[in-house]
Amino acid sequence: MALADSTCSRLDNSELRLSCFFNKALVNAGGDLAKLVPGRVSTEVDARLAYDTHGIIRRVHDLLKLYNEIDVPPERLLFKIPSTWQGIEASRLLESEGIQTHLTFVYSFAQAAAAAQAGASVIQIFVGRVRDWARNHSGDPEIEASIQRGEDPGLALVTKAYNYIRKYGHKSKLMAAAVRNKQDLFSLLGVDYIIAPLKILQSMKESITAPDEKYSYVRRLSPQSAANYDFTAEELTKWDQLSLGAAMGPSSVELLAAGLDGYVKQTKRVEELLDKIWPPPNV
């Protein structure tokens, strides 16, 4: 259906034409999803724009216009943006226009706090990816501090980010992703959103636990627990590009780069596919 769009097919520049088809395909899929789910649909912004604040904003405006054409209102939409400093700034500016953003690839407290200060609607942390990095690497102060406290670094990051958002009255909702087992899920009960594989949800369904067991249906994260959480003066800074860059350890720098690389490759694969089947028959 995207390839049959006459607005895109009229473009002479092949790169612009492919980008137009890609945006249209995203919005077509997002529009279908909006009919199936009661909440919001998150649409990914091209990861190649991760270090271009104005490029991100332009792309979101383009996507919004396309959604408007198929009658999906802005309140049903989130726009998924990588948590580079430029992405966080784009989120701040878009949120000031009333456009809801979803900041992803958050792997450090500094990124989470900067995203909350920007007013991002949703902040996504990948629990398992942080843990995997910690198992295979060393030298990240934030991760080593959580291990010294006997905490899992991925779960500790979600807990700290949640407590910061709630304690200081930020509007952001926190999403925990890359949840690997039901123990992770039990440890994060109370967080706003969790992305969990079906097999973990099934095992939760079959779990019968007493409230006093280590892993049970007891809320772990709450506004009350947040109120009692202590932050250092450094953690309560007003984040800017310089302080964020200085605070991001090797884990967040490497994981952010790997995440962006994966997203760019996926986008190119779709564009290559669209290019192969363009022009379609009967158009």
C-alpha atoms as a PDB file:
ATOM      1  CA  MET A   1       0.000   0.000   0.000  1.00  0.00           C
ATOM      2  CA  ALA A   2       2.872   2.363   0.757  1.00  0.00           C
ATOM      3  CA  LEU A   3       4.398   1.703  -2.676  1.00  0.00           C
ATOM      4  CA  ALA A   4       1.085   2.645  -4.282  1.00  0.00           C
ATOM      5  CA  ASP A   5       1.221   6.108  -2.684  1.00  0.00           C
ATOM      6  CA  SER A   6       1.278   8.646  -5.496  1.00  0.00           C
ATOM      7  CA  THR A   7       2.833  11.420  -3.358  1.00  0.00           C
ATOM      8  CA  CYS A   8       5.950   9.282  -2.831  1.00  0.00           C
ATOM      9  CA  SER A   9       6.116   7.775  -6.322  1.00  0.00           C
ATOM     10  CA  ARG A  10       6.197  11.244  -7.911  1.00  0.00           C
ATOM     11  CA  LEU A  11       9.514  12.061  -6.185  1.00  0.00           C
ATOM     12  CA  ASP A  12      12.472  11.992  -8.608  1.00  0.00           C
ATOM     13  CA  ASN A  13      15.218  11.557  -5.996  1.00  0.00           C
ATOM     14  CA  SER A  14      15.416   7.804  -5.223  1.00  0.00           C
ATOM     15  CA  GLU A  15      16.616   8.333  -1.611  1.00  0.00           C
ATOM     16  CA  LEU A  16      13.764  10.740  -0.842  1.00  0.00           C
ATOM     17  CA  ARG A  17      11.309   8.391  -2.554  1.00  0.00           C
ATOM     18  CA  LEU A  18      12.477   5.416  -0.459  1.00  0.00           C
ATOM     19  CA  SER A  19      12.316   7.480   2.737  1.00  0.00           C
ATOM     20  CA  CYS A  20       8.776   8.569   1.814  1.00  0.00           C
ATOM     21  CA  PHE A  21       7.710   4.942   1.187  1.00  0.00           C
ATOM     22  CA  PHE A  22       9.302   3.875   4.473  1.00  0.00           C
ATOM     23  CA  ASN A  23       7.454   6.564   6.475  1.00  0.00           C
ATOM     24  CA  LYS A  24       4.196   5.651   4.752  1.00  0.00           C
ATOM     25  CA  ALA A  25       4.686   1.946   5.515  1.00  0.00           C
ATOM     26  CA  LEU A  26       5.397   2.733   9.202  1.00  0.00           C
ATOM     27  CA  VAL A  27       2.257   4.831   9.465  1.00  0.00           C
ATOM     28  CA  ASN A  28       0.115   2.228   7.650  1.00  0.00           C
ATOM     29  CA  ALA A  29       1.282  -0.405  10.169  1.00  0.00           C
ATOM     30  CA  GLY A  30       0.834   2.018  13.087  1.00  0.00           C
ATOM     31  CA  GLY A  31      -2.674   2.889  11.904  1.00  0.00           C
ATOM     32  CA  ASP A  32      -3.629  -0.805  11.840  1.00  0.00           C
ATOM     33  CA  LEU A  33      -2.182  -1.309  15.326  1.00  0.00           C
ATOM     34  CA  ALA A  34      -4.141   1.697  16.627  1.00  0.00           C
ATOM     35  CA  LYS A  35      -7.332  -0.161  15.669  1.00  0.00           C
ATOM     36  CA  LEU A  36      -6.217  -3.233  17.639  1.00  0.00           C
ATOM     37  CA  VAL A  37      -4.931  -1.762  20.926  1.00  0.00           C
ATOM     38  CA  PRO A  38      -6.697   0.551  23.381  1.00  0.00           C
ATOM     39  CA  GLY A  39      -3.578   2.531  24.325  1.00  0.00           C
ATOM     40  CA  ARG A  40      -0.842   4.271  22.386  1.00  0.00           C
ATOM     41  CA  VAL A  41       1.168   3.095  19.375  1.00  0.00           C
ATOM     42  CA  SER A  42       4.891   3.843  19.315  1.00  0.00           C
ATOM     43  CA  THR A  43       6.462   4.672  15.944  1.00  0.00           C
ATOM     44  CA  GLU A  44      10.221   4.513  15.543  1.00  0.00           C
ATOM     45  CA  VAL A  45      12.104   7.557  14.269  1.00  0.00           C
ATOM     46  CA  ASP A  46      14.940   6.689  11.841  1.00  0.00           C
ATOM     47  CA  ALA A  47      18.009   5.932  13.990  1.00  0.00           C
ATOM     48  CA  ARG A  48      20.249   7.607  11.385  1.00  0.00           C
ATOM     49  CA  LEU A  49      18.865  10.894  12.740  1.00  0.00           C
ATOM     50  CA  ALA A  50      19.968  10.060  16.326  1.00  0.00           C
ATOM     51  CA  TYR A  51      22.479  12.939  16.454  1.00  0.00           C
ATOM     52  CA  ASP A  52      20.333  15.488  14.601  1.00  0.00           C
ATOM     53  CA  THR A  53      17.800  17.233  16.861  1.00  0.00           C
ATOM     54  CA  HIS A  54      16.086  19.166  14.066  1.00  0.00           C
ATOM     55  CA  GLY A  55      16.131  16.139  11.768  1.00  0.00           C
ATOM     56  CA  ILE A  56      14.273  14.121  14.427  1.00  0.00           C
ATOM     57  CA  ILE A  57      11.706  16.900  14.898  1.00  0.00           C
ATOM     58  CA  ARG A  58      11.135  17.208  11.143  1.00  0.00           C
ATOM     59  CA  ARG A  59      10.677  13.434  10.830  1.00  0.00           C
ATOM     60  CA  VAL A  60       8.156  13.341  13.696  1.00  0.00           C
ATOM     61  CA  HIS A  61       6.180  16.196  12.095  1.00  0.00           C
ATOM     62  CA  ASP A  62       6.181  14.266   8.782  1.00  0.00           C
ATOM     63  CA  LEU A  63       4.922  11.095  10.519  1.00  0.00           C
ATOM     64  CA  LEU A  64       2.252  13.063  12.408  1.00  0.00           C
ATOM     65  CA  LYS A  65       0.988  14.552   9.159  1.00  0.00           C
ATOM     66  CA  LEU A  66       0.680  11.063   7.654  1.00  0.00           C
ATOM     67  CA  TYR A  67      -1.147   9.793  10.752  1.00  0.00           C
ATOM     68  CA  ASN A  68      -3.501  12.760  10.536  1.00  0.00           C
ATOM     69  CA  GLU A  69      -4.356  11.749   6.953  1.00  0.00           C
ATOM     70  CA  ILE A  70      -5.579   8.344   8.197  1.00  0.00           C
ATOM     71  CA  ASP A  71      -7.413   9.860  11.207  1.00  0.00           C
ATOM     72  CA  VAL A  72      -5.149   8.613  14.024  1.00  0.00           C
ATOM     73  CA  PRO A  73      -5.102  11.432  16.629  1.00  0.00           C
ATOM     74  CA  PRO A  74      -1.838  12.568  18.294  1.00  0.00           C
ATOM     75  CA  GLU A  75      -2.977  11.392  21.750  1.00  0.00           C
ATOM     76  CA  ARG A  76      -2.894   7.794  20.445  1.00  0.00           C
ATOM     77  CA  LEU A  77       0.730   8.120  19.361  1.00  0.00           C
ATOM     78  CA  LEU A  78       4.244   7.962  20.766  1.00  0.00           C
ATOM     79  CA  PHE A  79       7.402   8.640  18.758  1.00  0.00           C
ATOM     80  CA  LYS A  80      10.349   6.428  19.643  1.00  0.00           C
ATOM     81  CA  ILE A  81      13.626   8.361  19.753  1.00  0.00           C
ATOM     82  CA  PRO A  82      17.140   7.166  20.766  1.00  0.00           C
ATOM     83  CA  SER A  83      18.463   8.688  24.004  1.00  0.00           C
ATOM     84  CA  THR A  84      21.434  10.592  22.618  1.00  0.00           C
ATOM     85  CA  TRP A  85      21.675  14.162  23.909  1.00  0.00           C
ATOM     86  CA  GLN A  86      20.238  15.328  20.576  1.00  0.00           C
ATOM     87  CA  GLY A  87      17.378  12.827  20.906  1.00  0.00           C
ATOM     88  CA  ILE A  88      16.642  14.014  24.451  1.00  0.00           C
ATOM     89  CA  GLU A  89      16.606  17.648  23.250  1.00  0.00           C
ATOM     90  CA  ALA A  90      14.253  16.715  20.399  1.00  0.00           C
ATOM     91  CA  SER A  91      11.999  15.027  22.958  1.00  0.00           C
ATOM     92  CA  ARG A  92      11.956  18.200  25.100  1.00  0.00           C
ATOM     93  CA  LEU A  93      10.998  20.388  22.145  1.00  0.00           C
ATOM     94  CA  LEU A  94       8.362  17.948  20.830  1.00  0.00           C
ATOM     95  CA  GLU A  95       6.806  17.524  24.282  1.00  0.00           C
ATOM     96  CA  SER A  96       6.558  21.327  24.535  1.00  0.00           C
ATOM     97  CA  GLU A  97       4.354  21.120  21.400  1.00  0.00           C
ATOM     98  CA  GLY A  98       2.175  18.446  23.038  1.00  0.00           C
ATOM     99  CA  ILE A  99       3.676  15.595  20.969  1.00  0.00           C
ATOM    100  CA  GLN A 100       4.313  12.453  23.035  1.00  0.00           C
ATOM    101  CA  THR A 101       7.791  10.936  22.869  1.00  0.00           C
ATOM    102  CA  HIS A 102       9.219   7.549  23.837  1.00  0.00           C
ATOM    103  CA  LEU A 103      12.947   7.662  24.626  1.00  0.00           C
ATOM    104  CA  THR A 104      14.724   4.355  24.121  1.00  0.00           C
ATOM    105  CA  PHE A 105      18.267   2.951  24.528  1.00  0.00           C
ATOM    106  CA  VAL A 106      18.536   4.283  28.090  1.00  0.00           C
ATOM    107  CA  TYR A 107      21.410   2.428  29.766  1.00  0.00           C
ATOM    108  CA  SER A 108      22.508   4.844  32.505  1.00  0.00           C
ATOM    109  CA  PHE A 109      20.927   6.867  35.286  1.00  0.00           C
ATOM    110  CA  ALA A 110      22.191  10.088  33.660  1.00  0.00           C
ATOM    111  CA  GLN A 111      20.242   9.326  30.467  1.00  0.00           C
ATOM    112  CA  ALA A 112      17.105   8.418  32.455  1.00  0.00           C
ATOM    113  CA  ALA A 113      17.276  11.594  34.580  1.00  0.00           C
ATOM    114  CA  ALA A 114      17.958  13.825  31.534  1.00  0.00           C
ATOM    115  CA  ALA A 115      15.010  12.189  29.733  1.00  0.00           C
ATOM    116  CA  ALA A 116      12.751  12.807  32.744  1.00  0.00           C
ATOM    117  CA  GLN A 117      13.875  16.453  32.931  1.00  0.00           C
ATOM    118  CA  ALA A 118      13.059  16.778  29.212  1.00  0.00           C
ATOM    119  CA  GLY A 119       9.505  15.615  29.971  1.00  0.00           C
ATOM    120  CA  ALA A 120       9.583  12.464  27.801  1.00  0.00           C
ATOM    121  CA  SER A 121       6.245  10.641  28.038  1.00  0.00           C
ATOM    122  CA  VAL A 122       7.887   7.194  28.177  1.00  0.00           C
ATOM    123  CA  ILE A 123      11.465   6.210  29.087  1.00  0.00           C
ATOM    124  CA  GLN A 124      12.571   2.682  28.168  1.00  0.00           C
ATOM    125  CA  ILE A 125      15.350   0.770  29.954  1.00  0.00           C
ATOM    126  CA  PHE A 126      16.635  -2.621  28.742  1.00  0.00           C
ATOM    127  CA  VAL A 127      17.171  -4.632  31.928  1.00  0.00           C
ATOM    128  CA  GLY A 128      18.736  -7.733  30.374  1.00  0.00           C
ATOM    129  CA  ARG A 129      21.131  -5.861  28.101  1.00  0.00           C
ATOM    130  CA  VAL A 130      22.642  -3.980  31.065  1.00  0.00           C
ATOM    131  CA  ARG A 131      23.048  -7.314  32.926  1.00  0.00           C
ATOM    132  CA  ASP A 132      24.633  -8.983  29.875  1.00  0.00           C
ATOM    133  CA  TRP A 133      27.161  -6.155  29.541  1.00  0.00           C
ATOM    134  CA  ALA A 134      28.042  -6.441  33.255  1.00  0.00           C
ATOM    135  CA  ARG A 135      28.660 -10.192  32.925  1.00  0.00           C
ATOM    136  CA  ASN A 136      31.162  -9.746  30.107  1.00  0.00           C
ATOM    137  CA  HIS A 137      32.839  -6.409  30.891  1.00  0.00           C
ATOM    138  CA  SER A 138      34.179  -4.320  33.762  1.00  0.00           C
ATOM    139  CA  GLY A 139      35.172  -0.698  34.317  1.00  0.00           C
ATOM    140  CA  ASP A 140      31.750   0.962  34.478  1.00  0.00           C
ATOM    141  CA  PRO A 141      31.448   2.830  37.817  1.00  0.00           C
ATOM    142  CA  GLU A 142      27.622   2.787  37.886  1.00  0.00           C
ATOM    143  CA  ILE A 143      27.455  -0.957  37.262  1.00  0.00           C
ATOM    144  CA  GLU A 144      30.254  -1.762  39.686  1.00  0.00           C
ATOM    145  CA  ALA A 145      28.577   0.278  42.429  1.00  0.00           C
ATOM    146  CA  SER A 146      25.337  -1.725  42.060  1.00  0.00           C
ATOM    147  CA  ILE A 147      27.253  -5.050  42.077  1.00  0.00           C
ATOM    148  CA  GLN A 148      29.082  -3.977  45.248  1.00  0.00           C
ATOM    149  CA  ARG A 149      25.686  -3.352  46.868  1.00  0.00           C
ATOM    150  CA  GLY A 150      24.701  -6.910  45.877  1.00  0.00           C
ATOM    151  CA  GLU A 151      22.174  -5.668  43.306  1.00  0.00           C
ATOM    152  CA  ASP A 152      21.541  -6.696  39.721  1.00  0.00           C
ATOM    153  CA  PRO A 153      22.703  -3.703  37.621  1.00  0.00           C
ATOM    154  CA  GLY A 154      19.719  -3.801  35.221  1.00  0.00           C
ATOM    155  CA  LEU A 155      17.123  -4.003  37.985  1.00  0.00           C
ATOM    156  CA  ALA A 156      19.021  -1.396  40.036  1.00  0.00           C
ATOM    157  CA  LEU A 157      18.916   1.058  37.104  1.00  0.00           C
ATOM    158  CA  VAL A 158      15.139   0.683  36.670  1.00  0.00           C
ATOM    159  CA  THR A 159      14.592   1.055  40.433  1.00  0.00           C
ATOM    160  CA  LYS A 160      16.741   4.185  40.646  1.00  0.00           C
ATOM    161  CA  ALA A 161      15.166   5.784  37.550  1.00  0.00           C
ATOM    162  CA  TYR A 162      11.637   5.024  38.810  1.00  0.00           C
ATOM    163  CA  ASN A 163      12.405   6.499  42.239  1.00  0.00           C
ATOM    164  CA  TYR A 164      13.906   9.640  40.677  1.00  0.00           C
ATOM    165  CA  ILE A 165      10.900  10.193  38.383  1.00  0.00           C
ATOM    166  CA  ARG A 166       8.385   9.706  41.186  1.00  0.00           C
ATOM    167  CA  LYS A 167      10.266  11.500  43.975  1.00  0.00           C
ATOM    168  CA  TYR A 168      10.791  14.661  41.921  1.00  0.00           C
ATOM    169  CA  GLY A 169       7.377  14.783  40.243  1.00  0.00           C
ATOM    170  CA  HIS A 170       8.366  14.204  36.624  1.00  0.00           C
ATOM    171  CA  LYS A 171       5.511  13.221  34.318  1.00  0.00           C
ATOM    172  CA  SER A 172       7.420  10.416  32.539  1.00  0.00           C
ATOM    173  CA  LYS A 173       6.302   6.792  32.651  1.00  0.00           C
ATOM    174  CA  LEU A 174       9.030   4.165  32.956  1.00  0.00           C
ATOM    175  CA  MET A 175       9.128   1.078  30.745  1.00  0.00           C
ATOM    176  CA  ALA A 176      11.247  -1.977  31.604  1.00  0.00           C
ATOM    177  CA  ALA A 177      12.207  -4.028  28.540  1.00  0.00           C
ATOM    178  CA  ALA A 178      14.486  -7.046  27.901  1.00  0.00           C
ATOM    179  CA  VAL A 179      12.990  -8.744  30.967  1.00  0.00           C
ATOM    180  CA  ARG A 180      14.522 -12.219  30.906  1.00  0.00           C
ATOM    181  CA  ASN A 181      12.727 -14.218  33.609  1.00  0.00           C
ATOM    182  CA  LYS A 182       9.860 -14.078  36.078  1.00  0.00           C
ATOM    183  CA  GLN A 183      12.236 -13.103  38.916  1.00  0.00           C
ATOM    184  CA  ASP A 184      12.967  -9.903  36.985  1.00  0.00           C
ATOM    185  CA  LEU A 185       9.255  -9.309  36.644  1.00  0.00           C
ATOM    186  CA  PHE A 186       8.536  -9.850  40.334  1.00  0.00           C
ATOM    187  CA  SER A 187      11.420  -7.487  41.210  1.00  0.00           C
ATOM    188  CA  LEU A 188       9.909  -4.696  39.071  1.00  0.00           C
ATOM    189  CA  LEU A 189       6.262  -4.867  40.146  1.00  0.00           C
ATOM    190  CA  GLY A 190       4.966  -1.307  40.342  1.00  0.00           C
ATOM    191  CA  VAL A 191       6.892   0.031  37.324  1.00  0.00           C
ATOM    192  CA  ASP A 192       4.596   1.714  34.778  1.00  0.00           C
ATOM    193  CA  TYR A 193       5.155  -0.632  31.825  1.00  0.00           C
ATOM    194  CA  ILE A 194       6.904  -3.972  31.345  1.00  0.00           C
ATOM    195  CA  ILE A 195       7.681  -5.665  28.022  1.00  0.00           C
ATOM    196  CA  ALA A 196       7.814  -9.384  28.793  1.00  0.00           C
ATOM    197  CA  PRO A 197       8.020 -12.439  26.525  1.00  0.00           C
ATOM    198  CA  LEU A 198       4.911 -14.606  26.337  1.00  0.00           C
ATOM    199  CA  LYS A 199       6.650 -17.575  28.026  1.00  0.00           C
ATOM    200  CA  ILE A 200       7.359 -15.411  31.114  1.00  0.00           C
ATOM    201  CA  LEU A 201       3.738 -14.236  31.243  1.00  0.00           C
ATOM    202  CA  GLN A 202       2.655 -17.885  31.040  1.00  0.00           C
ATOM    203  CA  SER A 203       4.957 -18.863  33.917  1.00  0.00           C
ATOM    204  CA  MET A 204       3.588 -15.935  35.966  1.00  0.00           C
ATOM    205  CA  LYS A 205       0.081 -17.216  35.353  1.00  0.00           C
ATOM    206  CA  GLU A 206       1.088 -20.586  36.788  1.00  0.00           C
ATOM    207  CA  SER A 207       2.970 -19.107  39.787  1.00  0.00           C
ATOM    208  CA  ILE A 208       1.466 -19.550  43.215  1.00  0.00           C
ATOM    209  CA  THR A 209       3.486 -17.554  45.729  1.00  0.00           C
ATOM    210  CA  ALA A 210       3.055 -16.498  49.327  1.00  0.00           C
ATOM    211  CA  PRO A 211       3.489 -12.749  49.972  1.00  0.00           C
ATOM    212  CA  ASP A 212       6.496 -13.382  52.239  1.00  0.00           C
ATOM    213  CA  GLU A 213       8.461 -15.269  49.560  1.00  0.00           C
ATOM    214  CA  LYS A 214      11.384 -13.470  47.887  1.00  0.00           C
ATOM    215  CA  TYR A 215       9.620 -13.530  44.515  1.00  0.00           C
ATOM    216  CA  SER A 216       5.920 -12.869  44.981  1.00  0.00           C
ATOM    217  CA  TYR A 217       3.096 -10.555  43.937  1.00  0.00           C
ATOM    218  CA  VAL A 218       4.155  -7.677  46.190  1.00  0.00           C
ATOM    219  CA  ARG A 219       4.630  -4.174  44.800  1.00  0.00           C
ATOM    220  CA  ARG A 220       8.342  -3.329  44.813  1.00  0.00           C
ATOM    221  CA  LEU A 221       8.270   0.135  43.237  1.00  0.00           C
ATOM    222  CA  SER A 222       5.871   2.757  44.559  1.00  0.00           C
ATOM    223  CA  PRO A 223       5.686   6.512  45.252  1.00  0.00           C
ATOM    224  CA  GLN A 224       6.262   5.624  48.936  1.00  0.00           C
ATOM    225  CA  SER A 225       9.495   3.725  48.210  1.00  0.00           C
ATOM    226  CA  ALA A 226      10.577   6.586  45.923  1.00  0.00           C
ATOM    227  CA  ALA A 227      10.057   9.170  48.668  1.00  0.00           C
ATOM    228  CA  ASN A 228      12.530   7.291  50.905  1.00  0.00           C
ATOM    229  CA  TYR A 229      15.229   6.909  48.240  1.00  0.00           C
ATOM    230  CA  ASP A 230      18.310   9.143  48.623  1.00  0.00           C
ATOM    231  CA  PHE A 231      20.128  10.750  45.696  1.00  0.00           C
ATOM    232  CA  THR A 232      23.534  12.444  45.695  1.00  0.00           C
ATOM    233  CA  ALA A 233      23.982  16.103  44.728  1.00  0.00           C
ATOM    234  CA  GLU A 234      25.680  14.982  41.469  1.00  0.00           C
ATOM    235  CA  GLU A 235      22.648  12.884  40.544  1.00  0.00           C
ATOM    236  CA  LEU A 236      20.313  15.838  41.094  1.00  0.00           C
ATOM    237  CA  THR A 237      22.158  18.062  38.611  1.00  0.00           C
ATOM    238  CA  LYS A 238      20.359  19.847  35.770  1.00  0.00           C
ATOM    239  CA  TRP A 239      21.620  17.660  32.949  1.00  0.00           C
ATOM    240  CA  ASP A 240      23.145  19.194  29.828  1.00  0.00           C
ATOM    241  CA  GLN A 241      25.165  17.782  26.926  1.00  0.00           C
ATOM    242  CA  LEU A 242      28.486  18.097  28.761  1.00  0.00           C
ATOM    243  CA  SER A 243      27.405  16.586  32.072  1.00  0.00           C
ATOM    244  CA  LEU A 244      25.516  13.779  30.317  1.00  0.00           C
ATOM    245  CA  GLY A 245      28.560  12.882  28.219  1.00  0.00           C
ATOM    246  CA  ALA A 246      30.781  12.858  31.285  1.00  0.00           C
ATOM    247  CA  ALA A 247      28.363  10.727  33.332  1.00  0.00           C
ATOM    248  CA  MET A 248      27.730   8.029  30.706  1.00  0.00           C
ATOM    249  CA  GLY A 249      30.033   5.113  31.433  1.00  0.00           C
ATOM    250  CA  PRO A 250      31.366   2.567  28.922  1.00  0.00           C
ATOM    251  CA  SER A 251      28.306   0.323  29.240  1.00  0.00           C
ATOM    252  CA  SER A 252      25.805   3.017  28.186  1.00  0.00           C
ATOM    253  CA  VAL A 253      28.101   4.345  25.439  1.00  0.00           C
ATOM    254  CA  GLU A 254      28.661   0.865  23.944  1.00  0.00           C
ATOM    255  CA  LEU A 255      25.067  -0.337  24.325  1.00  0.00           C
ATOM    256  CA  LEU A 256      23.667   2.870  22.824  1.00  0.00           C
ATOM    257  CA  ALA A 257      26.017   2.529  19.818  1.00  0.00           C
ATOM    258  CA  ALA A 258      25.068  -1.154  19.377  1.00  0.00           C
ATOM    259  CA  GLY A 259      21.353  -0.355  19.612  1.00  0.00           C
ATOM    260  CA  LEU A 260      21.622   2.409  17.018  1.00  0.00           C
ATOM    261  CA  ASP A 261      23.629   0.165  14.706  1.00  0.00           C
ATOM    262  CA  GLY A 262      20.942  -2.549  14.943  1.00  0.00           C
ATOM    263  CA  TYR A 263      18.122  -0.096  14.205  1.00  0.00           C
ATOM    264  CA  VAL A 264      19.989   1.424  11.226  1.00  0.00           C
ATOM    265  CA  LYS A 265      20.599  -2.046   9.740  1.00  0.00           C
ATOM    266  CA  GLN A 266      16.909  -2.934  10.128  1.00  0.00           C
ATOM    267  CA  THR A 267      15.857   0.311   8.426  1.00  0.00           C
ATOM    268  CA  LYS A 268      18.262  -0.308   5.533  1.00  0.00           C
ATOM    269  CA  ARG A 269      16.906  -3.849   5.110  1.00  0.00           C
ATOM    270  CA  VAL A 270      13.367  -2.515   4.747  1.00  0.00           C
ATOM    271  CA  GLU A 271      14.506   0.181   2.311  1.00  0.00           C
ATOM    272  CA  GLU A 272      16.369  -2.411   0.237  1.00  0.00           C
ATOM    273  CA  LEU A 273      13.232  -4.565   0.160  1.00  0.00           C
ATOM    274  CA  LEU A 274      11.089  -1.605  -0.939  1.00  0.00           C
ATOM    275  CA  ASP A 275      13.669  -0.728  -3.604  1.00  0.00           C
ATOM    276  CA  LYS A 276      13.605  -4.291  -4.986  1.00  0.00           C
ATOM    277  CA  ILE A 277       9.832  -4.324  -5.409  1.00  0.00           C
ATOM    278  CA  TRP A 278       9.575  -0.782  -6.790  1.00  0.00           C
ATOM    279  CA  PRO A 279       7.896  -0.053  -9.116  1.00  0.00           C
ATOM    280  CA  PRO A 280       5.170  -2.540  -8.263  1.00  0.00           C
ATOM    281  CA  PRO A 281       2.920  -3.927 -11.005  1.00  0.00           C
ATOM    282  CA  ASN A 282      -0.256  -1.997 -11.821  1.00  0.00           C
ATOM    283  CA  VAL A 283       1.024   1.338 -10.451  1.00  0.00           C
END
